[in-house]
Amino acid sequence: MAKEKKATTAEDLKGKSPDELKTLLIDLRKQQMNMRFQRAGGALENTSMMRKVRRTIARVKTFLNQQASAADKPAAPKAKKSASKAA
């Protein structure tokens, strides 16, 4: 019987580092590949897991992209206040 992993929620992913997310992404893709082979051979019992894994992969990729864009973006300069309004 295939080993089923618990679905990962967004709250679980928020505290993870990019390296942890990349490792999780690799594991999820391996799981997805195994499920594809099981489905092709007629051995996959829970077909809804394929959808859950696919969406979890998308969720992990979204968090990786958000972290990458936050790291690339320089800190926004603070708005300058006008020194004084001379009347």
PDB file of N, CA and C in Angstrom:
ATOM      1  N   MET A   1       0.842  -1.177   0.000  1.00  0.00           N
ATOM      2  CA  MET A   1       0.000   0.000   0.000  1.00  0.00           C
ATOM      3  C   MET A   1       0.890   1.243   0.000  1.00  0.00           C
ATOM      4  N   ALA A   2       0.499   2.282  -0.709  1.00  0.00           N
ATOM      5  CA  ALA A   2       1.296   3.489  -0.828  1.00  0.00           C
ATOM      6  C   ALA A   2       1.271   4.283   0.473  1.00  0.00           C
ATOM      7  N   LYS A   3       2.398   4.900   0.755  1.00  0.00           N
ATOM      8  CA  LYS A   3       2.496   5.723   1.953  1.00  0.00           C
ATOM      9  C   LYS A   3       1.893   7.093   1.645  1.00  0.00           C
ATOM     10  N   GLU A   4       0.862   7.459   2.400  1.00  0.00           N
ATOM     11  CA  GLU A   4       0.193   8.735   2.174  1.00  0.00           C
ATOM     12  C   GLU A   4       0.748   9.766   3.144  1.00  0.00           C
ATOM     13  N   LYS A   5       1.020  10.949   2.619  1.00  0.00           N
ATOM     14  CA  LYS A   5       1.530  12.030   3.450  1.00  0.00           C
ATOM     15  C   LYS A   5       0.403  13.007   3.735  1.00  0.00           C
ATOM     16  N   LYS A   6       0.506  13.659   4.862  1.00  0.00           N
ATOM     17  CA  LYS A   6      -0.489  14.646   5.247  1.00  0.00           C
ATOM     18  C   LYS A   6      -0.370  15.864   4.334  1.00  0.00           C
ATOM     19  N   ALA A   7      -1.490  16.403   3.946  1.00  0.00           N
ATOM     20  CA  ALA A   7      -1.489  17.585   3.089  1.00  0.00           C
ATOM     21  C   ALA A   7      -0.873  18.756   3.847  1.00  0.00           C
ATOM     22  N   THR A   8      -0.075  19.534   3.155  1.00  0.00           N
ATOM     23  CA  THR A   8       0.611  20.663   3.762  1.00  0.00           C
ATOM     24  C   THR A   8      -0.235  21.918   3.576  1.00  0.00           C
ATOM     25  N   THR A   9      -0.465  22.627   4.663  1.00  0.00           N
ATOM     26  CA  THR A   9      -1.253  23.850   4.594  1.00  0.00           C
ATOM     27  C   THR A   9      -0.337  25.057   4.443  1.00  0.00           C
ATOM     28  N   ALA A  10      -0.913  26.189   4.130  1.00  0.00           N
ATOM     29  CA  ALA A  10      -0.136  27.407   3.949  1.00  0.00           C
ATOM     30  C   ALA A  10       0.540  27.817   5.256  1.00  0.00           C
ATOM     31  N   GLU A  11      -0.116  27.580   6.380  1.00  0.00           N
ATOM     32  CA  GLU A  11       0.485  27.937   7.668  1.00  0.00           C
ATOM     33  C   GLU A  11       1.741  27.111   7.938  1.00  0.00           C
ATOM     34  N   ASP A  12       1.732  25.856   7.490  1.00  0.00           N
ATOM     35  CA  ASP A  12       2.908  25.004   7.660  1.00  0.00           C
ATOM     36  C   ASP A  12       4.075  25.515   6.823  1.00  0.00           C
ATOM     37  N   LEU A  13       3.781  26.086   5.673  1.00  0.00           N
ATOM     38  CA  LEU A  13       4.823  26.517   4.752  1.00  0.00           C
ATOM     39  C   LEU A  13       5.414  27.879   5.102  1.00  0.00           C
ATOM     40  N   LYS A  14       4.679  28.701   5.832  1.00  0.00           N
ATOM     41  CA  LYS A  14       5.136  30.061   6.119  1.00  0.00           C
ATOM     42  C   LYS A  14       6.449  30.085   6.886  1.00  0.00           C
ATOM     43  N   GLY A  15       6.620  29.167   7.826  1.00  0.00           N
ATOM     44  CA  GLY A  15       7.804  29.186   8.661  1.00  0.00           C
ATOM     45  C   GLY A  15       9.001  28.447   8.098  1.00  0.00           C
ATOM     46  N   LYS A  16       8.875  27.892   6.896  1.00  0.00           N
ATOM     47  CA  LYS A  16       9.964  27.094   6.336  1.00  0.00           C
ATOM     48  C   LYS A  16      10.917  27.947   5.511  1.00  0.00           C
ATOM     49  N   SER A  17      12.174  27.538   5.522  1.00  0.00           N
ATOM     50  CA  SER A  17      13.194  28.230   4.742  1.00  0.00           C
ATOM     51  C   SER A  17      13.106  27.775   3.288  1.00  0.00           C
ATOM     52  N   PRO A  18      13.735  28.511   2.382  1.00  0.00           N
ATOM     53  CA  PRO A  18      13.716  28.110   0.972  1.00  0.00           C
ATOM     54  C   PRO A  18      14.319  26.720   0.744  1.00  0.00           C
ATOM     55  N   ASP A  19      15.346  26.367   1.501  1.00  0.00           N
ATOM     56  CA  ASP A  19      15.945  25.033   1.343  1.00  0.00           C
ATOM     57  C   ASP A  19      14.964  23.938   1.746  1.00  0.00           C
ATOM     58  N   GLU A  20      14.233  24.166   2.833  1.00  0.00           N
ATOM     59  CA  GLU A  20      13.229  23.191   3.267  1.00  0.00           C
ATOM     60  C   GLU A  20      12.106  23.067   2.243  1.00  0.00           C
ATOM     61  N   LEU A  21      11.727  24.204   1.662  1.00  0.00           N
ATOM     62  CA  LEU A  21      10.665  24.178   0.653  1.00  0.00           C
ATOM     63  C   LEU A  21      11.117  23.434  -0.601  1.00  0.00           C
ATOM     64  N   LYS A  22      12.373  23.619  -0.982  1.00  0.00           N
ATOM     65  CA  LYS A  22      12.885  22.915  -2.163  1.00  0.00           C
ATOM     66  C   LYS A  22      12.927  21.416  -1.914  1.00  0.00           C
ATOM     67  N   THR A  23      13.326  21.015  -0.708  1.00  0.00           N
ATOM     68  CA  THR A  23      13.341  19.597  -0.361  1.00  0.00           C
ATOM     69  C   THR A  23      11.930  19.022  -0.379  1.00  0.00           C
ATOM     70  N   LEU A  24      10.986  19.764   0.170  1.00  0.00           N
ATOM     71  CA  LEU A  24       9.589  19.328   0.169  1.00  0.00           C
ATOM     72  C   LEU A  24       9.062  19.212  -1.254  1.00  0.00           C
ATOM     73  N   LEU A  25       9.443  20.150  -2.116  1.00  0.00           N
ATOM     74  CA  LEU A  25       9.005  20.124  -3.507  1.00  0.00           C
ATOM     75  C   LEU A  25       9.519  18.871  -4.218  1.00  0.00           C
ATOM     76  N   ILE A  26      10.761  18.511  -3.969  1.00  0.00           N
ATOM     77  CA  ILE A  26      11.332  17.302  -4.580  1.00  0.00           C
ATOM     78  C   ILE A  26      10.582  16.063  -4.099  1.00  0.00           C
ATOM     79  N   ASP A  27      10.292  16.003  -2.794  1.00  0.00           N
ATOM     80  CA  ASP A  27       9.556  14.858  -2.249  1.00  0.00           C
ATOM     81  C   ASP A  27       8.150  14.759  -2.842  1.00  0.00           C
ATOM     82  N   LEU A  28       7.493  15.903  -2.994  1.00  0.00           N
ATOM     83  CA  LEU A  28       6.142  15.907  -3.558  1.00  0.00           C
ATOM     84  C   LEU A  28       6.140  15.472  -5.016  1.00  0.00           C
ATOM     85  N   ARG A  29       7.160  15.883  -5.758  1.00  0.00           N
ATOM     86  CA  ARG A  29       7.230  15.472  -7.164  1.00  0.00           C
ATOM     87  C   ARG A  29       7.490  13.977  -7.291  1.00  0.00           C
ATOM     88  N   LYS A  30       8.306  13.428  -6.384  1.00  0.00           N
ATOM     89  CA  LYS A  30       8.529  11.976  -6.377  1.00  0.00           C
ATOM     90  C   LYS A  30       7.222  11.248  -6.058  1.00  0.00           C
ATOM     91  N   GLN A  31       6.487  11.779  -5.082  1.00  0.00           N
ATOM     92  CA  GLN A  31       5.206  11.181  -4.719  1.00  0.00           C
ATOM     93  C   GLN A  31       4.237  11.243  -5.898  1.00  0.00           C
ATOM     94  N   GLN A  32       4.228  12.365  -6.598  1.00  0.00           N
ATOM     95  CA  GLN A  32       3.358  12.515  -7.757  1.00  0.00           C
ATOM     96  C   GLN A  32       3.721  11.510  -8.854  1.00  0.00           C
ATOM     97  N   MET A  33       5.019  11.313  -9.075  1.00  0.00           N
ATOM     98  CA  MET A  33       5.460  10.352 -10.089  1.00  0.00           C
ATOM     99  C   MET A  33       5.022   8.939  -9.722  1.00  0.00           C
ATOM    100  N   ASN A  34       5.181   8.569  -8.447  1.00  0.00           N
ATOM    101  CA  ASN A  34       4.760   7.239  -7.999  1.00  0.00           C
ATOM    102  C   ASN A  34       3.256   7.050  -8.164  1.00  0.00           C
ATOM    103  N   MET A  35       2.508   8.095  -7.884  1.00  0.00           N
ATOM    104  CA  MET A  35       1.056   7.998  -8.023  1.00  0.00           C
ATOM    105  C   MET A  35       0.654   7.841  -9.484  1.00  0.00           C
ATOM    106  N   ARG A  36       1.388   8.484 -10.379  1.00  0.00           N
ATOM    107  CA  ARG A  36       1.095   8.332 -11.808  1.00  0.00           C
ATOM    108  C   ARG A  36       1.287   6.885 -12.250  1.00  0.00           C
ATOM    109  N   PHE A  37       2.384   6.281 -11.791  1.00  0.00           N
ATOM    110  CA  PHE A  37       2.635   4.886 -12.149  1.00  0.00           C
ATOM    111  C   PHE A  37       1.567   3.973 -11.553  1.00  0.00           C
ATOM    112  N   GLN A  38       1.164   4.249 -10.326  1.00  0.00           N
ATOM    113  CA  GLN A  38       0.124   3.438  -9.693  1.00  0.00           C
ATOM    114  C   GLN A  38      -1.196   3.567 -10.453  1.00  0.00           C
ATOM    115  N   ARG A  39      -1.520   4.775 -10.881  1.00  0.00           N
ATOM    116  CA  ARG A  39      -2.768   4.991 -11.620  1.00  0.00           C
ATOM    117  C   ARG A  39      -2.730   4.256 -12.956  1.00  0.00           C
ATOM    118  N   ALA A  40      -1.579   4.314 -13.620  1.00  0.00           N
ATOM    119  CA  ALA A  40      -1.455   3.643 -14.915  1.00  0.00           C
ATOM    120  C   ALA A  40      -1.564   2.127 -14.762  1.00  0.00           C
ATOM    121  N   GLY A  41      -1.069   1.597 -13.640  1.00  0.00           N
ATOM    122  CA  GLY A  41      -1.131   0.161 -13.406  1.00  0.00           C
ATOM    123  C   GLY A  41      -2.415  -0.283 -12.758  1.00  0.00           C
ATOM    124  N   GLY A  42      -3.279   0.648 -12.432  1.00  0.00           N
ATOM    125  CA  GLY A  42      -4.558   0.312 -11.820  1.00  0.00           C
ATOM    126  C   GLY A  42      -4.469   0.017 -10.339  1.00  0.00           C
ATOM    127  N   ALA A  43      -3.379   0.419  -9.690  1.00  0.00           N
ATOM    128  CA  ALA A  43      -3.191   0.115  -8.278  1.00  0.00           C
ATOM    129  C   ALA A  43      -3.520   1.292  -7.363  1.00  0.00           C
ATOM    130  N   LEU A  44      -3.803   2.461  -7.931  1.00  0.00           N
ATOM    131  CA  LEU A  44      -4.071   3.646  -7.115  1.00  0.00           C
ATOM    132  C   LEU A  44      -5.499   3.587  -6.588  1.00  0.00           C
ATOM    133  N   GLU A  45      -5.624   3.548  -5.270  1.00  0.00           N
ATOM    134  CA  GLU A  45      -6.946   3.447  -4.648  1.00  0.00           C
ATOM    135  C   GLU A  45      -7.580   4.808  -4.432  1.00  0.00           C
ATOM    136  N   ASN A  46      -6.802   5.763  -3.957  1.00  0.00           N
ATOM    137  CA  ASN A  46      -7.343   7.078  -3.622  1.00  0.00           C
ATOM    138  C   ASN A  46      -6.915   8.082  -4.695  1.00  0.00           C
ATOM    139  N   THR A  47      -7.732   8.253  -5.706  1.00  0.00           N
ATOM    140  CA  THR A  47      -7.369   9.128  -6.818  1.00  0.00           C
ATOM    141  C   THR A  47      -7.421  10.608  -6.443  1.00  0.00           C
ATOM    142  N   SER A  48      -8.109  10.950  -5.386  1.00  0.00           N
ATOM    143  CA  SER A  48      -8.178  12.358  -4.973  1.00  0.00           C
ATOM    144  C   SER A  48      -6.839  12.849  -4.429  1.00  0.00           C
ATOM    145  N   MET A  49      -5.968  11.921  -4.038  1.00  0.00           N
ATOM    146  CA  MET A  49      -4.650  12.319  -3.543  1.00  0.00           C
ATOM    147  C   MET A  49      -3.813  12.965  -4.644  1.00  0.00           C
ATOM    148  N   MET A  50      -4.045  12.580  -5.882  1.00  0.00           N
ATOM    149  CA  MET A  50      -3.289  13.183  -6.986  1.00  0.00           C
ATOM    150  C   MET A  50      -3.575  14.679  -7.057  1.00  0.00           C
ATOM    151  N   ARG A  51      -4.827  15.035  -6.893  1.00  0.00           N
ATOM    152  CA  ARG A  51      -5.214  16.441  -6.928  1.00  0.00           C
ATOM    153  C   ARG A  51      -4.611  17.200  -5.753  1.00  0.00           C
ATOM    154  N   LYS A  52      -4.617  16.581  -4.567  1.00  0.00           N
ATOM    155  CA  LYS A  52      -4.060  17.221  -3.378  1.00  0.00           C
ATOM    156  C   LYS A  52      -2.567  17.445  -3.525  1.00  0.00           C
ATOM    157  N   VAL A  53      -1.870  16.460  -4.051  1.00  0.00           N
ATOM    158  CA  VAL A  53      -0.423  16.586  -4.236  1.00  0.00           C
ATOM    159  C   VAL A  53      -0.118  17.668  -5.263  1.00  0.00           C
ATOM    160  N   ARG A  54      -0.883  17.687  -6.357  1.00  0.00           N
ATOM    161  CA  ARG A  54      -0.666  18.691  -7.399  1.00  0.00           C
ATOM    162  C   ARG A  54      -0.856  20.105  -6.850  1.00  0.00           C
ATOM    163  N   ARG A  55      -1.868  20.274  -6.034  1.00  0.00           N
ATOM    164  CA  ARG A  55      -2.136  21.604  -5.469  1.00  0.00           C
ATOM    165  C   ARG A  55      -1.113  21.983  -4.407  1.00  0.00           C
ATOM    166  N   THR A  56      -0.627  21.004  -3.670  1.00  0.00           N
ATOM    167  CA  THR A  56       0.413  21.276  -2.681  1.00  0.00           C
ATOM    168  C   THR A  56       1.704  21.693  -3.385  1.00  0.00           C
ATOM    169  N   ILE A  57       2.004  21.064  -4.515  1.00  0.00           N
ATOM    170  CA  ILE A  57       3.176  21.462  -5.296  1.00  0.00           C
ATOM    171  C   ILE A  57       3.037  22.915  -5.734  1.00  0.00           C
ATOM    172  N   ALA A  58       1.872  23.284  -6.195  1.00  0.00           N
ATOM    173  CA  ALA A  58       1.631  24.670  -6.616  1.00  0.00           C
ATOM    174  C   ALA A  58       1.775  25.625  -5.440  1.00  0.00           C
ATOM    175  N   ARG A  59       1.299  25.222  -4.287  1.00  0.00           N
ATOM    176  CA  ARG A  59       1.399  26.047  -3.083  1.00  0.00           C
ATOM    177  C   ARG A  59       2.866  26.259  -2.689  1.00  0.00           C
ATOM    178  N   VAL A  60       3.656  25.201  -2.732  1.00  0.00           N
ATOM    179  CA  VAL A  60       5.080  25.302  -2.383  1.00  0.00           C
ATOM    180  C   VAL A  60       5.801  26.200  -3.377  1.00  0.00           C
ATOM    181  N   LYS A  61       5.506  26.044  -4.667  1.00  0.00           N
ATOM    182  CA  LYS A  61       6.142  26.875  -5.676  1.00  0.00           C
ATOM    183  C   LYS A  61       5.771  28.345  -5.504  1.00  0.00           C
ATOM    184  N   THR A  62       4.536  28.595  -5.097  1.00  0.00           N
ATOM    185  CA  THR A  62       4.105  29.971  -4.853  1.00  0.00           C
ATOM    186  C   THR A  62       4.905  30.593  -3.711  1.00  0.00           C
ATOM    187  N   PHE A  63       5.090  29.843  -2.621  1.00  0.00           N
ATOM    188  CA  PHE A  63       5.862  30.361  -1.499  1.00  0.00           C
ATOM    189  C   PHE A  63       7.317  30.581  -1.888  1.00  0.00           C
ATOM    190  N   LEU A  64       7.894  29.684  -2.689  1.00  0.00           N
ATOM    191  CA  LEU A  64       9.270  29.867  -3.140  1.00  0.00           C
ATOM    192  C   LEU A  64       9.401  31.130  -3.989  1.00  0.00           C
ATOM    193  N   ASN A  65       8.448  31.358  -4.884  1.00  0.00           N
ATOM    194  CA  ASN A  65       8.485  32.557  -5.724  1.00  0.00           C
ATOM    195  C   ASN A  65       8.301  33.824  -4.901  1.00  0.00           C
ATOM    196  N   GLN A  66       7.437  33.783  -3.898  1.00  0.00           N
ATOM    197  CA  GLN A  66       7.235  34.951  -3.047  1.00  0.00           C
ATOM    198  C   GLN A  66       8.502  35.275  -2.269  1.00  0.00           C
ATOM    199  N   GLN A  67       9.159  34.257  -1.742  1.00  0.00           N
ATOM    200  CA  GLN A  67      10.388  34.474  -0.986  1.00  0.00           C
ATOM    201  C   GLN A  67      11.499  34.980  -1.896  1.00  0.00           C
ATOM    202  N   ALA A  68      11.563  34.467  -3.114  1.00  0.00           N
ATOM    203  CA  ALA A  68      12.594  34.911  -4.053  1.00  0.00           C
ATOM    204  C   ALA A  68      12.374  36.364  -4.464  1.00  0.00           C
ATOM    205  N   SER A  69      11.126  36.740  -4.705  1.00  0.00           N
ATOM    206  CA  SER A  69      10.856  38.117  -5.110  1.00  0.00           C
ATOM    207  C   SER A  69      11.065  39.084  -3.950  1.00  0.00           C
ATOM    208  N   ALA A  70      10.805  38.636  -2.730  1.00  0.00           N
ATOM    209  CA  ALA A  70      11.036  39.493  -1.566  1.00  0.00           C
ATOM    210  C   ALA A  70      12.537  39.695  -1.339  1.00  0.00           C
ATOM    211  N   ALA A  71      13.334  38.685  -1.642  1.00  0.00           N
ATOM    212  CA  ALA A  71      14.777  38.792  -1.460  1.00  0.00           C
ATOM    213  C   ALA A  71      15.400  39.664  -2.545  1.00  0.00           C
ATOM    214  N   ASP A  72      14.844  39.631  -3.756  1.00  0.00           N
ATOM    215  CA  ASP A  72      15.389  40.407  -4.867  1.00  0.00           C
ATOM    216  C   ASP A  72      15.021  41.882  -4.790  1.00  0.00           C
ATOM    217  N   LYS A  73      13.875  42.160  -4.208  1.00  0.00           N
ATOM    218  CA  LYS A  73      13.375  43.528  -4.166  1.00  0.00           C
ATOM    219  C   LYS A  73      14.127  44.321  -3.095  1.00  0.00           C
ATOM    220  N   PRO A  74      14.745  45.448  -3.455  1.00  0.00           N
ATOM    221  CA  PRO A  74      15.417  46.260  -2.445  1.00  0.00           C
ATOM    222  C   PRO A  74      14.389  46.934  -1.544  1.00  0.00           C
ATOM    223  N   ALA A  75      14.826  47.302  -0.364  1.00  0.00           N
ATOM    224  CA  ALA A  75      13.922  47.949   0.578  1.00  0.00           C
ATOM    225  C   ALA A  75      13.439  49.268  -0.018  1.00  0.00           C
ATOM    226  N   ALA A  76      12.163  49.510   0.076  1.00  0.00           N
ATOM    227  CA  ALA A  76      11.583  50.729  -0.478  1.00  0.00           C
ATOM    228  C   ALA A  76      12.015  51.925   0.359  1.00  0.00           C
ATOM    229  N   PRO A  77      12.454  53.000  -0.294  1.00  0.00           N
ATOM    230  CA  PRO A  77      12.850  54.190   0.467  1.00  0.00           C
ATOM    231  C   PRO A  77      11.632  54.823   1.121  1.00  0.00           C
ATOM    232  N   LYS A  78      11.856  55.354   2.291  1.00  0.00           N
ATOM    233  CA  LYS A  78      10.755  55.996   3.012  1.00  0.00           C
ATOM    234  C   LYS A  78      10.408  57.316   2.332  1.00  0.00           C
ATOM    235  N   ALA A  79       9.144  57.662   2.405  1.00  0.00           N
ATOM    236  CA  ALA A  79       8.681  58.906   1.810  1.00  0.00           C
ATOM    237  C   ALA A  79       9.286  60.084   2.573  1.00  0.00           C
ATOM    238  N   LYS A  80       9.795  61.029   1.808  1.00  0.00           N
ATOM    239  CA  LYS A  80      10.402  62.194   2.436  1.00  0.00           C
ATOM    240  C   LYS A  80       9.319  63.200   2.811  1.00  0.00           C
ATOM    241  N   LYS A  81       9.457  63.717   3.982  1.00  0.00           N
ATOM    242  CA  LYS A  81       8.525  64.760   4.416  1.00  0.00           C
ATOM    243  C   LYS A  81       9.085  66.090   3.958  1.00  0.00           C
ATOM    244  N   SER A  82       8.204  66.962   3.611  1.00  0.00           N
ATOM    245  CA  SER A  82       8.688  68.288   3.212  1.00  0.00           C
ATOM    246  C   SER A  82       9.254  68.980   4.436  1.00  0.00           C
ATOM    247  N   ALA A  83      10.386  69.636   4.264  1.00  0.00           N
ATOM    248  CA  ALA A  83      11.111  70.234   5.375  1.00  0.00           C
ATOM    249  C   ALA A  83      10.216  71.223   6.132  1.00  0.00           C
ATOM    250  N   SER A  84       9.764  72.192   5.485  1.00  0.00           N
ATOM    251  CA  SER A  84       8.814  73.131   6.095  1.00  0.00           C
ATOM    252  C   SER A  84       8.157  73.914   4.978  1.00  0.00           C
ATOM    253  N   LYS A  85       6.952  74.267   5.265  1.00  0.00           N
ATOM    254  CA  LYS A  85       6.224  75.015   4.253  1.00  0.00           C
ATOM    255  C   LYS A  85       6.402  76.498   4.553  1.00  0.00           C
ATOM    256  N   ALA A  86       7.156  77.131   3.687  1.00  0.00           N
ATOM    257  CA  ALA A  86       7.361  78.579   3.866  1.00  0.00           C
ATOM    258  C   ALA A  86       6.144  79.290   3.286  1.00  0.00           C
ATOM    259  N   ALA A  87       5.559  80.110   4.097  1.00  0.00           N
ATOM    260  CA  ALA A  87       4.342  80.795   3.658  1.00  0.00           C
ATOM    261  C   ALA A  87       4.678  82.036   3.020  1.00  0.00           C
TER     262      ALA A  87
END
